[in-house]
Protein backbone atom coordinates (compact mmCIF):
# COMPACT_ATOMS: atom_id res chain seq x y z
CA MET A 1 251.46 74.37 148.76
CA ARG A 2 252.03 77.69 146.90
CA ILE A 3 251.06 77.94 143.23
CA PRO A 4 252.31 80.67 141.48
CA ASN A 5 250.32 82.38 138.70
CA PRO A 6 251.40 82.06 134.71
CA SER A 7 252.43 85.14 133.24
CA ARG A 8 252.06 83.68 129.58
CA THR A 9 251.53 80.27 128.19
CA PRO A 10 254.23 78.38 126.85
CA SER A 11 255.53 76.40 123.94
CA PRO A 12 254.49 72.76 124.71
CA PHE A 13 257.97 71.65 124.80
CA VAL A 14 259.89 74.07 127.09
CA PRO A 15 260.89 72.58 130.49
CA SER A 16 258.91 73.94 133.48
CA GLU A 17 259.73 75.92 136.23
CA VAL A 18 257.54 75.96 139.13
CA GLU A 19 257.32 76.14 142.74
CA GLY A 20 258.72 72.63 144.75
CA ARG A 21 260.45 71.31 147.98
CA ASP A 22 263.82 71.55 149.75
CA ARG A 23 265.40 68.44 151.07
CA ASN A 24 263.20 69.25 154.41
CA GLY A 25 259.99 68.89 152.65
CA SER A 26 259.25 72.91 152.75
CA ALA A 27 258.09 74.60 150.22
CA TYR A 28 259.99 77.34 148.00
CA VAL A 29 260.20 78.82 144.75
CA PRO A 30 263.29 78.54 142.87
CA ARG A 31 264.89 81.97 142.14
CA HIS A 32 264.17 81.47 138.23
CA ALA A 33 261.31 80.02 138.52
CA ARG A 34 260.26 83.45 140.38
CA ASP A 35 261.75 85.13 137.78
CA LYS A 36 260.28 83.22 134.68
CA ARG A 37 257.13 81.42 135.61
CA LYS A 38 255.82 79.98 132.69
CA TRP A 39 253.37 77.22 133.58
CA VAL A 40 251.84 75.53 136.70
CA LEU A 41 251.44 71.96 137.45
CA GLY A 42 248.84 71.35 140.25
CA LEU A 43 250.32 68.27 141.59
CA SER A 44 251.17 67.12 145.18
CA ALA A 45 254.15 68.43 146.84
CA ALA A 46 256.25 65.40 146.21
CA ILE A 47 256.40 66.12 142.41
CA ALA A 48 255.92 69.75 142.13
CA ALA A 49 259.44 70.89 141.32
CA LEU A 50 259.73 70.61 137.52
CA LEU A 51 263.68 72.22 137.25
CA THR A 52 266.11 72.09 134.35
CA THR A 53 268.80 72.34 136.90
CA THR A 54 271.75 69.92 136.93
CA PRO A 55 273.97 69.35 139.90
CA ALA A 56 277.35 70.17 139.27
CA HIS A 57 278.86 66.89 140.99
CA ALA A 58 277.31 64.29 138.59
CA GLN A 59 279.68 62.31 136.51
CA LEU A 60 277.92 59.87 134.80
CA ALA A 61 278.10 59.89 131.21
CA VAL A 62 278.36 57.75 127.98
CA ASP A 63 280.87 57.87 125.60
CA VAL A 64 279.25 57.90 121.89
CA ASP A 65 282.68 56.63 120.20
CA ASN A 66 282.88 53.53 122.11
CA ALA A 67 280.76 50.95 120.54
CA GLY A 68 281.01 49.06 124.09
CA ASN A 69 278.84 51.50 125.68
CA ALA A 70 275.24 49.33 125.69
CA ASP A 71 276.15 47.91 128.82
CA LEU A 72 275.25 51.39 130.90
CA VAL A 73 271.80 49.63 132.53
CA ILE A 74 269.35 52.37 132.62
CA ALA A 75 266.01 51.72 134.57
CA VAL A 76 262.70 53.27 132.98
CA PRO A 77 259.71 52.20 135.11
CA ALA A 78 255.91 53.13 134.15
CA LEU A 79 255.00 56.62 134.90
CA PRO A 80 252.62 56.78 137.66
CA THR A 81 249.89 59.19 137.88
CA PRO A 82 248.24 60.90 140.90
CA GLN A 83 244.85 59.79 140.16
CA SER A 84 243.87 57.97 137.00
CA GLU A 85 241.69 59.97 134.28
CA ASN A 86 240.34 59.74 131.36
CA THR A 87 242.00 61.85 128.38
CA LEU A 88 241.26 61.82 124.66
CA ALA A 89 244.56 59.30 123.86
CA GLY A 90 243.48 57.23 127.08
CA THR A 91 243.97 57.27 130.89
CA THR A 92 246.78 58.83 132.14
CA GLU A 93 247.84 55.30 133.66
CA ASP A 94 248.11 53.80 130.52
CA LEU A 95 249.44 57.18 128.98
CA GLY A 96 252.14 56.41 131.73
CA ASN A 97 253.09 52.99 130.80
CA ARG A 98 253.17 53.71 126.66
CA ILE A 99 255.33 56.86 127.37
CA SER A 100 257.68 54.57 129.58
CA ASP A 101 257.90 52.57 126.33
CA VAL A 102 258.73 55.11 124.19
CA ILE A 103 261.55 56.64 126.52
CA ALA A 104 263.07 52.78 126.68
CA SER A 105 262.84 51.92 122.78
CA ASP A 106 264.29 55.12 121.97
CA LEU A 107 267.12 54.97 124.46
CA ASP A 108 267.48 51.29 123.27
CA ARG A 109 267.71 52.23 119.72
CA SER A 110 270.66 54.66 120.02
CA GLY A 111 272.91 51.79 120.98
CA LEU A 112 274.22 53.71 123.97
CA PHE A 113 272.22 52.16 126.45
CA LYS A 114 270.51 48.58 128.09
CA PRO A 115 267.15 49.78 129.37
CA ILE A 116 265.05 47.73 131.95
CA GLY A 117 261.72 48.21 131.05
CA ARG A 118 258.54 48.82 133.06
CA ASN A 119 257.98 44.92 133.00
CA ALA A 120 261.08 44.12 134.71
CA VAL A 121 260.81 46.56 137.38
CA LYS A 122 258.38 47.20 140.01
CA ARG A 123 255.85 49.97 139.54
CA ILE A 124 256.56 53.73 141.48
CA THR A 125 254.08 55.44 143.44
CA VAL A 126 254.05 59.42 142.98
CA ASP A 127 255.72 60.01 146.15
CA GLU A 128 258.76 58.07 145.06
CA VAL A 129 259.14 60.18 141.81
CA THR A 130 261.22 62.98 143.79
CA ALA A 131 262.45 60.24 146.19
CA PRO A 132 263.60 57.15 144.11
CA THR A 133 264.41 54.04 146.55
CA PHE A 134 267.99 53.85 145.24
CA PRO A 135 268.77 50.28 147.19
CA TYR A 136 265.91 48.86 145.42
CA TRP A 137 267.73 50.24 141.82
CA GLN A 138 271.18 49.36 143.20
CA GLY A 139 269.92 45.86 143.33
CA ARG A 140 268.98 45.65 139.60
CA SER A 141 272.40 46.55 138.41
CA ALA A 142 271.01 50.02 137.22
CA ALA A 143 273.58 52.98 136.47
CA ALA A 144 270.78 55.64 136.15
CA LEU A 145 267.36 55.71 136.80
CA ILE A 146 264.36 57.53 134.92
CA GLN A 147 261.49 58.26 136.65
CA GLY A 148 258.25 60.69 135.77
CA PHE A 149 254.49 61.11 136.21
CA VAL A 150 251.63 61.69 134.03
CA LYS A 151 248.81 64.34 135.36
CA SER A 152 245.72 65.45 133.65
CA ASN A 153 245.26 69.06 133.61
CA GLY A 154 241.69 71.16 134.49
CA ASP A 155 242.16 72.31 130.38
CA GLY A 156 242.05 68.56 128.72
CA LYS A 157 246.10 68.86 128.25
CA ILE A 158 248.29 66.71 130.24
CA THR A 159 251.51 67.35 132.03
CA VAL A 160 254.32 64.89 131.74
CA GLY A 161 257.38 65.03 134.18
CA CYS A 162 260.90 63.61 133.55
CA TYR A 163 263.82 62.90 135.88
CA LEU A 164 266.99 61.43 135.35
CA TYR A 165 268.89 59.89 138.61
CA ASP A 166 272.45 58.72 139.14
CA VAL A 167 272.01 55.88 140.95
CA ALA A 168 275.57 55.08 142.54
CA LEU A 169 275.60 58.77 143.61
CA GLY A 170 271.74 58.79 144.72
CA SER A 171 271.56 62.26 142.86
CA GLU A 172 269.30 63.59 140.40
CA LEU A 173 271.26 64.83 137.20
CA THR A 174 268.23 66.71 135.25
CA ARG A 175 264.40 67.15 135.44
CA GLN A 176 262.00 68.59 132.91
CA GLY A 177 258.19 68.64 132.28
CA PHE A 178 256.17 69.40 129.50
CA VAL A 179 252.18 70.16 128.89
CA VAL A 180 250.93 68.83 125.97
CA GLU A 181 247.58 67.62 124.27
CA PRO A 182 246.94 63.99 124.82
CA ALA A 183 247.31 63.16 121.24
CA ASP A 184 250.96 64.56 121.50
CA TRP A 185 251.74 62.22 124.02
CA ARG A 186 254.61 60.48 122.03
CA ARG A 187 256.42 63.73 121.65
CA ALA A 188 256.66 64.38 125.21
CA ALA A 189 258.17 60.74 125.42
CA HIS A 190 260.74 61.21 122.56
CA LYS A 191 261.49 64.80 124.16
CA CYS A 192 262.04 63.34 127.54
CA ALA A 193 264.56 60.51 125.83
CA ASP A 194 265.96 63.17 124.14
CA SER A 195 266.98 65.24 127.56
CA ILE A 196 268.38 62.17 128.88
CA TYR A 197 270.38 61.26 125.89
CA SER A 198 271.97 64.81 125.79
CA ARG A 199 272.40 64.83 129.59
CA LEU A 200 274.58 61.30 129.75
CA SER A 201 276.07 61.90 126.01
CA GLY A 202 277.04 65.57 125.73
CA GLU A 203 275.43 65.19 122.10
CA SER A 204 272.60 67.03 120.65
CA PRO A 205 269.07 65.23 120.84
CA PHE A 206 267.40 63.29 117.59
CA PHE A 207 264.46 61.34 118.93
CA ASP A 208 261.47 64.02 118.50
CA SER A 209 262.18 64.40 115.00
CA ARG A 210 260.25 63.01 111.61
CA ILE A 211 261.42 60.95 108.45
CA ALA A 212 260.12 61.39 104.90
CA TYR A 213 260.83 57.77 102.70
CA ILE A 214 259.41 56.43 99.42
CA ALA A 215 256.97 53.60 100.24
CA GLU A 216 257.55 50.92 97.80
CA THR A 217 255.12 47.81 96.67
CA GLY A 218 254.68 45.82 93.46
CA PRO A 219 256.54 43.26 91.56
CA LYS A 220 260.07 44.03 90.14
CA GLY A 221 259.55 46.53 87.01
CA ASN A 222 256.54 47.83 87.92
CA ARG A 223 257.05 49.16 91.61
CA THR A 224 254.24 51.67 93.12
CA LYS A 225 256.42 54.64 94.86
CA ARG A 226 254.69 56.63 97.23
CA LEU A 227 255.89 59.46 99.30
CA ALA A 228 255.34 58.92 103.45
CA ILE A 229 256.31 60.20 106.64
CA MET A 230 256.81 59.13 110.02
CA ASP A 231 258.13 59.76 113.46
CA SER A 232 261.79 58.78 114.14
CA ASP A 233 260.63 55.60 115.29
CA GLY A 234 258.66 54.41 112.52
CA ALA A 235 255.33 55.81 114.68
CA ASN A 236 252.55 58.17 113.23
CA HIS A 237 252.99 56.72 109.99
CA ARG A 238 251.07 58.27 106.79
CA PHE A 239 250.99 58.33 103.19
CA ILE A 240 251.19 61.40 101.68
CA THR A 241 251.04 60.63 97.62
CA ASN A 242 248.75 57.95 96.01
CA GLY A 243 251.07 56.16 93.84
CA GLN A 244 249.38 57.18 90.58
CA SER A 245 253.03 59.11 89.62
CA THR A 246 256.06 57.88 91.10
CA ALA A 247 257.73 59.59 94.06
CA LEU A 248 261.48 59.53 94.57
CA THR A 249 264.16 61.27 96.83
CA PRO A 250 262.03 63.36 99.19
CA ARG A 251 264.25 65.78 101.76
CA PHE A 252 262.12 68.12 104.64
CA SER A 253 263.08 71.83 104.41
CA PRO A 254 265.01 73.17 106.96
CA ASP A 255 262.15 74.82 109.23
CA TYR A 256 260.02 71.54 109.04
CA LYS A 257 256.98 72.86 106.90
CA GLN A 258 257.89 71.26 103.36
CA ILE A 259 258.99 68.37 101.80
CA ALA A 260 260.55 68.75 98.06
CA TYR A 261 260.73 65.79 95.88
CA LEU A 262 260.65 64.49 92.59
CA SER A 263 257.75 62.81 91.06
CA TYR A 264 257.41 61.18 87.39
CA VAL A 265 253.95 62.50 85.72
CA ASP A 266 253.11 60.81 82.15
CA GLY A 267 256.87 60.06 82.10
CA ASN A 268 258.24 63.91 82.32
CA PRO A 269 259.96 64.76 85.82
CA ARG A 270 258.60 67.34 87.96
CA ILE A 271 259.77 68.80 91.43
CA TYR A 272 257.32 69.52 93.73
CA VAL A 273 257.40 71.06 97.20
CA TYR A 274 254.45 69.77 99.44
CA ASP A 275 253.62 71.68 102.47
CA VAL A 276 252.97 69.23 105.26
CA GLY A 277 250.74 71.52 107.29
CA THR A 278 248.42 72.18 104.41
CA GLY A 279 248.68 68.77 102.47
CA ARG A 280 248.81 71.15 99.39
CA GLN A 281 251.68 70.68 96.98
CA ARG A 282 253.25 73.39 94.51
CA LEU A 283 255.22 72.86 91.18
CA VAL A 284 258.92 74.01 91.24
CA THR A 285 260.04 73.46 87.87
CA GLN A 286 259.20 70.55 85.36
CA SER A 287 261.22 69.42 82.16
CA ARG A 288 261.28 66.74 79.41
CA ASN A 289 264.96 66.01 80.74
CA PRO A 290 266.24 63.46 83.13
CA THR A 291 265.98 65.37 86.62
CA PHE A 292 267.50 64.35 89.64
CA ALA A 293 267.29 64.83 93.55
CA PRO A 294 266.43 68.13 94.79
CA ARG A 295 268.22 69.14 97.90
CA TRP A 296 267.08 72.36 100.25
CA SER A 297 269.65 74.97 100.81
CA PRO A 298 270.13 75.80 104.41
CA ASP A 299 268.25 78.65 104.50
CA GLY A 300 265.44 77.15 102.66
CA ARG A 301 265.77 79.65 99.76
CA TYR A 302 266.56 77.67 97.10
CA LEU A 303 266.87 74.10 95.79
CA LEU A 304 269.38 72.14 94.31
CA TYR A 305 268.67 69.42 91.43
CA SER A 306 270.12 67.75 88.64
CA MET A 307 269.59 67.83 84.94
CA ALA A 308 270.71 65.96 81.91
CA ILE A 309 270.82 67.76 78.56
CA GLY A 310 272.36 66.46 75.57
CA GLY A 311 273.84 63.71 77.34
CA ASN A 312 275.65 65.90 79.81
CA THR A 313 274.15 66.22 83.35
CA ASP A 314 274.60 69.38 85.67
CA ILE A 315 273.85 70.82 88.70
CA TYR A 316 271.21 73.59 89.02
CA LYS A 317 270.30 76.12 91.58
CA ILE A 318 266.44 77.18 91.57
CA PRO A 319 264.37 79.54 93.78
CA ALA A 320 262.22 77.28 95.95
CA GLU A 321 259.26 79.07 94.78
CA GLY A 322 260.09 78.32 91.23
CA GLY A 323 262.05 80.53 88.76
CA THR A 324 264.82 80.64 86.55
CA PRO A 325 267.70 78.21 87.31
CA VAL A 326 271.08 78.91 87.14
CA ARG A 327 273.69 76.11 86.39
CA LEU A 328 276.51 75.40 88.80
CA THR A 329 278.26 73.08 86.88
CA ASP A 330 278.99 72.87 82.90
CA GLY A 331 282.04 70.19 82.66
CA PRO A 332 281.68 67.08 80.42
CA GLY A 333 279.95 63.98 82.37
CA ILE A 334 277.74 63.35 84.72
CA ASP A 335 277.21 65.64 87.95
CA VAL A 336 274.59 65.14 90.66
CA GLY A 337 273.88 64.64 93.95
CA GLY A 338 274.15 67.95 95.22
CA SER A 339 274.32 69.14 99.16
CA PHE A 340 275.21 71.93 100.89
CA SER A 341 277.03 72.54 103.81
CA PRO A 342 275.39 73.60 106.95
CA ASP A 343 276.74 77.21 106.43
CA GLY A 344 275.65 77.65 102.74
CA SER A 345 279.12 78.13 101.65
CA GLN A 346 279.75 74.65 99.79
CA ILE A 347 278.54 71.92 98.06
CA VAL A 348 279.60 68.37 97.87
CA PHE A 349 278.39 66.29 94.69
CA GLU A 350 279.24 63.11 92.78
CA SER A 351 280.87 63.31 88.85
CA ASP A 352 282.72 61.11 86.79
CA ARG A 353 284.57 63.52 84.83
CA SER A 354 287.76 61.79 86.02
CA GLY A 355 286.52 58.44 84.24
CA GLY A 356 284.37 56.77 87.36
CA GLN A 357 282.09 57.81 89.70
CA GLN A 358 284.09 60.17 92.68
CA LEU A 359 282.90 63.00 95.04
CA TYR A 360 283.45 66.57 94.55
CA VAL A 361 283.59 69.77 96.38
CA MET A 362 282.76 73.25 95.14
CA ASN A 363 281.80 76.79 96.50
CA ALA A 364 278.22 77.81 96.46
CA ASP A 365 278.00 79.80 93.16
CA GLY A 366 279.77 76.54 91.69
CA SER A 367 283.55 77.68 91.55
CA ASN A 368 286.60 76.27 92.99
CA GLN A 369 285.39 72.37 92.14
CA ARG A 370 287.88 70.00 93.62
CA ARG A 371 287.84 66.40 94.09
CA ILE A 372 288.05 64.73 97.43
CA SER A 373 287.61 61.47 97.09
CA PHE A 374 290.53 58.90 95.99
CA GLY A 375 289.92 55.43 97.27
CA GLY A 376 289.43 52.23 95.20
CA GLY A 377 285.68 51.97 93.87
CA ARG A 378 283.30 54.46 92.68
CA TYR A 379 281.39 56.96 95.46
CA ALA A 380 277.78 58.13 95.02
CA THR A 381 274.60 60.30 96.96
CA PRO A 382 276.92 62.28 99.12
CA GLU A 383 275.47 64.03 101.85
CA TRP A 384 276.94 66.67 104.09
CA SER A 385 276.76 66.36 107.94
CA PRO A 386 274.64 68.57 109.82
CA ARG A 387 277.65 69.37 112.30
CA GLY A 388 279.84 70.25 109.33
CA ASP A 389 282.37 67.56 110.30
CA LEU A 390 281.53 64.61 107.99
CA ILE A 391 280.14 64.09 104.56
CA ALA A 392 278.40 60.31 104.05
CA PHE A 393 278.35 58.66 100.99
CA THR A 394 277.40 55.33 99.33
CA LYS A 395 280.80 53.30 98.27
CA MET A 396 280.11 51.34 95.64
CA GLN A 397 283.32 48.31 95.45
CA GLY A 398 281.91 44.93 94.83
CA ASN A 399 278.69 45.59 97.19
CA PHE A 400 277.46 49.04 98.17
CA ARG A 401 278.20 50.59 101.93
CA ILE A 402 277.67 53.49 103.73
CA GLY A 403 280.73 55.45 104.54
CA VAL A 404 281.96 58.96 106.05
CA MET A 405 284.85 61.01 105.24
CA SER A 406 285.69 64.72 106.23
CA PRO A 407 285.12 67.41 104.04
CA SER A 408 288.67 67.45 102.56
CA GLY A 409 288.56 63.91 101.70
CA GLY A 410 290.50 62.48 104.99
CA GLY A 411 289.64 59.82 107.67
CA GLU A 412 287.47 57.56 105.22
CA ARG A 413 285.63 55.09 107.24
CA LEU A 414 282.85 52.36 106.10
CA LEU A 415 280.19 51.84 108.67
CA THR A 416 278.17 48.84 107.00
CA ASN A 417 278.53 45.61 105.14
CA SER A 418 275.97 44.09 103.39
CA TRP A 419 275.11 43.53 100.00
CA GLN A 420 273.37 46.78 98.94
CA ASP A 421 273.25 49.64 101.33
CA GLU A 422 272.70 53.29 99.80
CA ALA A 423 271.46 56.87 99.96
CA PRO A 424 272.84 58.32 103.51
CA THR A 425 270.63 60.48 105.37
CA TRP A 426 271.94 62.47 108.49
CA ALA A 427 270.26 62.54 112.35
CA PRO A 428 269.34 66.10 112.99
CA ASN A 429 272.60 65.81 115.63
CA GLY A 430 275.10 64.39 113.45
CA ARG A 431 275.58 61.39 115.36
CA VAL A 432 273.45 58.79 113.34
CA ILE A 433 272.81 57.67 109.39
CA GLN A 434 269.84 56.28 107.82
CA PHE A 435 269.83 54.54 104.59
CA PHE A 436 268.08 51.87 102.63
CA ARG A 437 269.23 48.18 102.27
CA THR A 438 268.35 45.41 99.49
CA GLY A 439 269.24 42.43 100.01
CA ARG A 440 270.95 39.94 96.93
CA GLY A 441 268.57 39.18 94.27
CA ALA A 442 265.76 40.76 96.48
CA VAL A 443 263.16 43.09 94.66
CA SER A 444 262.19 44.67 98.54
CA SER A 445 264.27 47.27 100.37
CA THR A 446 264.05 48.40 103.81
CA VAL A 447 265.05 51.41 106.27
CA TRP A 448 267.92 51.00 108.54
CA GLN A 449 270.14 53.25 110.46
CA VAL A 450 274.05 52.92 111.68
CA ASP A 451 276.13 55.49 114.07
CA LEU A 452 279.43 56.66 113.89
CA THR A 453 280.70 53.53 115.40
CA GLY A 454 279.53 51.34 112.60
CA ALA A 455 278.27 49.06 115.64
CA ASN A 456 275.14 49.82 116.65
CA GLU A 457 272.56 48.88 112.90
CA ARG A 458 268.65 48.90 113.37
CA ARG A 459 265.85 48.34 110.98
CA LEU A 460 263.39 51.40 110.93
CA PRO A 461 259.64 49.25 110.80
CA THR A 462 257.93 50.62 108.23
CA PRO A 463 254.60 48.97 106.60
CA VAL A 464 255.87 48.42 103.57
CA ASP A 465 259.09 48.32 101.59
CA GLY A 466 260.93 51.76 101.88
CA SER A 467 263.77 53.62 99.94
CA ASP A 468 265.13 56.84 99.76
CA PRO A 469 264.52 57.79 103.10
CA ALA A 470 265.37 61.51 104.35
CA TRP A 471 265.86 62.85 108.13
CA GLY A 472 264.30 66.16 108.99
CA PRO A 473 265.62 68.41 111.82
CA ILE A 474 264.46 68.61 115.83
CA LEU A 475 260.81 69.21 115.57
CA PRO A 476 260.12 73.34 116.57
């Protein structure tokens, strides 16, 4: 088999484009691979073709707006390896098992698929990766099949291949491959699951992302609240602050490099920005006045926050590097919870200026303030969807529920119905919402997620109690 010489080293999460074989087994180099040779997989010819093209005739898909989609069965056998070799993260055989498990878990968590995991199906061979035994999978009632491989490279990195097949048609739908450090095997698994989710749903991905939240411990009235981050499935968890000062309301910056959060030090509120890469943080602003909920502008240049002065609470905007804040609201009452629209032109916030907490929208400079919520009860903690089509909020009417409405206030829908669900945060694709839940009379809270159908609720595992989740964008 001919192996093309790479012209440059790619991003580890760029789909592969290398030499493969046609249906007759003859070697070929696809035209786009000849034009854009990014990296090489030194594999047997049977699994060397990792392309991103999709056959035009493939029709398998799921409807994200249909709550009954979970009956689409998708098989996820273990990823084989040409030869089991040791890596810094375990053997390639072990990684093949773990990657399969993460892919199946991601797809199950979406609520759109019913995965058949590796323990319920046969182990496949390397040669089967590009030549599936479709009759076997049809016998397992699988509508779709995910196969792939894990290979150790000579430079210490690993290559992960990912293929999706339509079992009924016996056709390939998509294929991708990733060259990563062994420690990043989970990211390769999430990227594979993202490609499957996007191909079958037509929606943008969200598995390869991270979440910041407030980790809570201790008795009621004396809770320790620490800033923590983790992967979207709860893995790779780590605490950021030590709990000596209270941390609240974190939010990732648009470029994922920083987290803004509120901290109370010696009883005084301060807004910090934490650098995820260096572990350093800087003070943006501090005050003796009550301060709330810092939120990033879409370009990462500014932070919104609310501050109470003399019994009146208004929304302010300040440069993310620090500086002089600009007040955007100045009416009587309590204005809090500002969230920018994705294009940065508008801000949604909550205000009690009408007598009870309701949602309002204004231009980014504070002009044209107008009320958009008119239902019964009270509304709080609004957050604009990254798609721009919806605003999520907490509805308080007896219990606390998570809901969505259009930016004009129409189409209100409530998605949850527990005792106390609050503080929604959007997945990067705008199809799933996370929030935190507290039971009646309980001290502890937990992190949950629900999709826009309201039918697919999942609890996110955290090592301690959790509140104030903040979902970041897709990782670069």
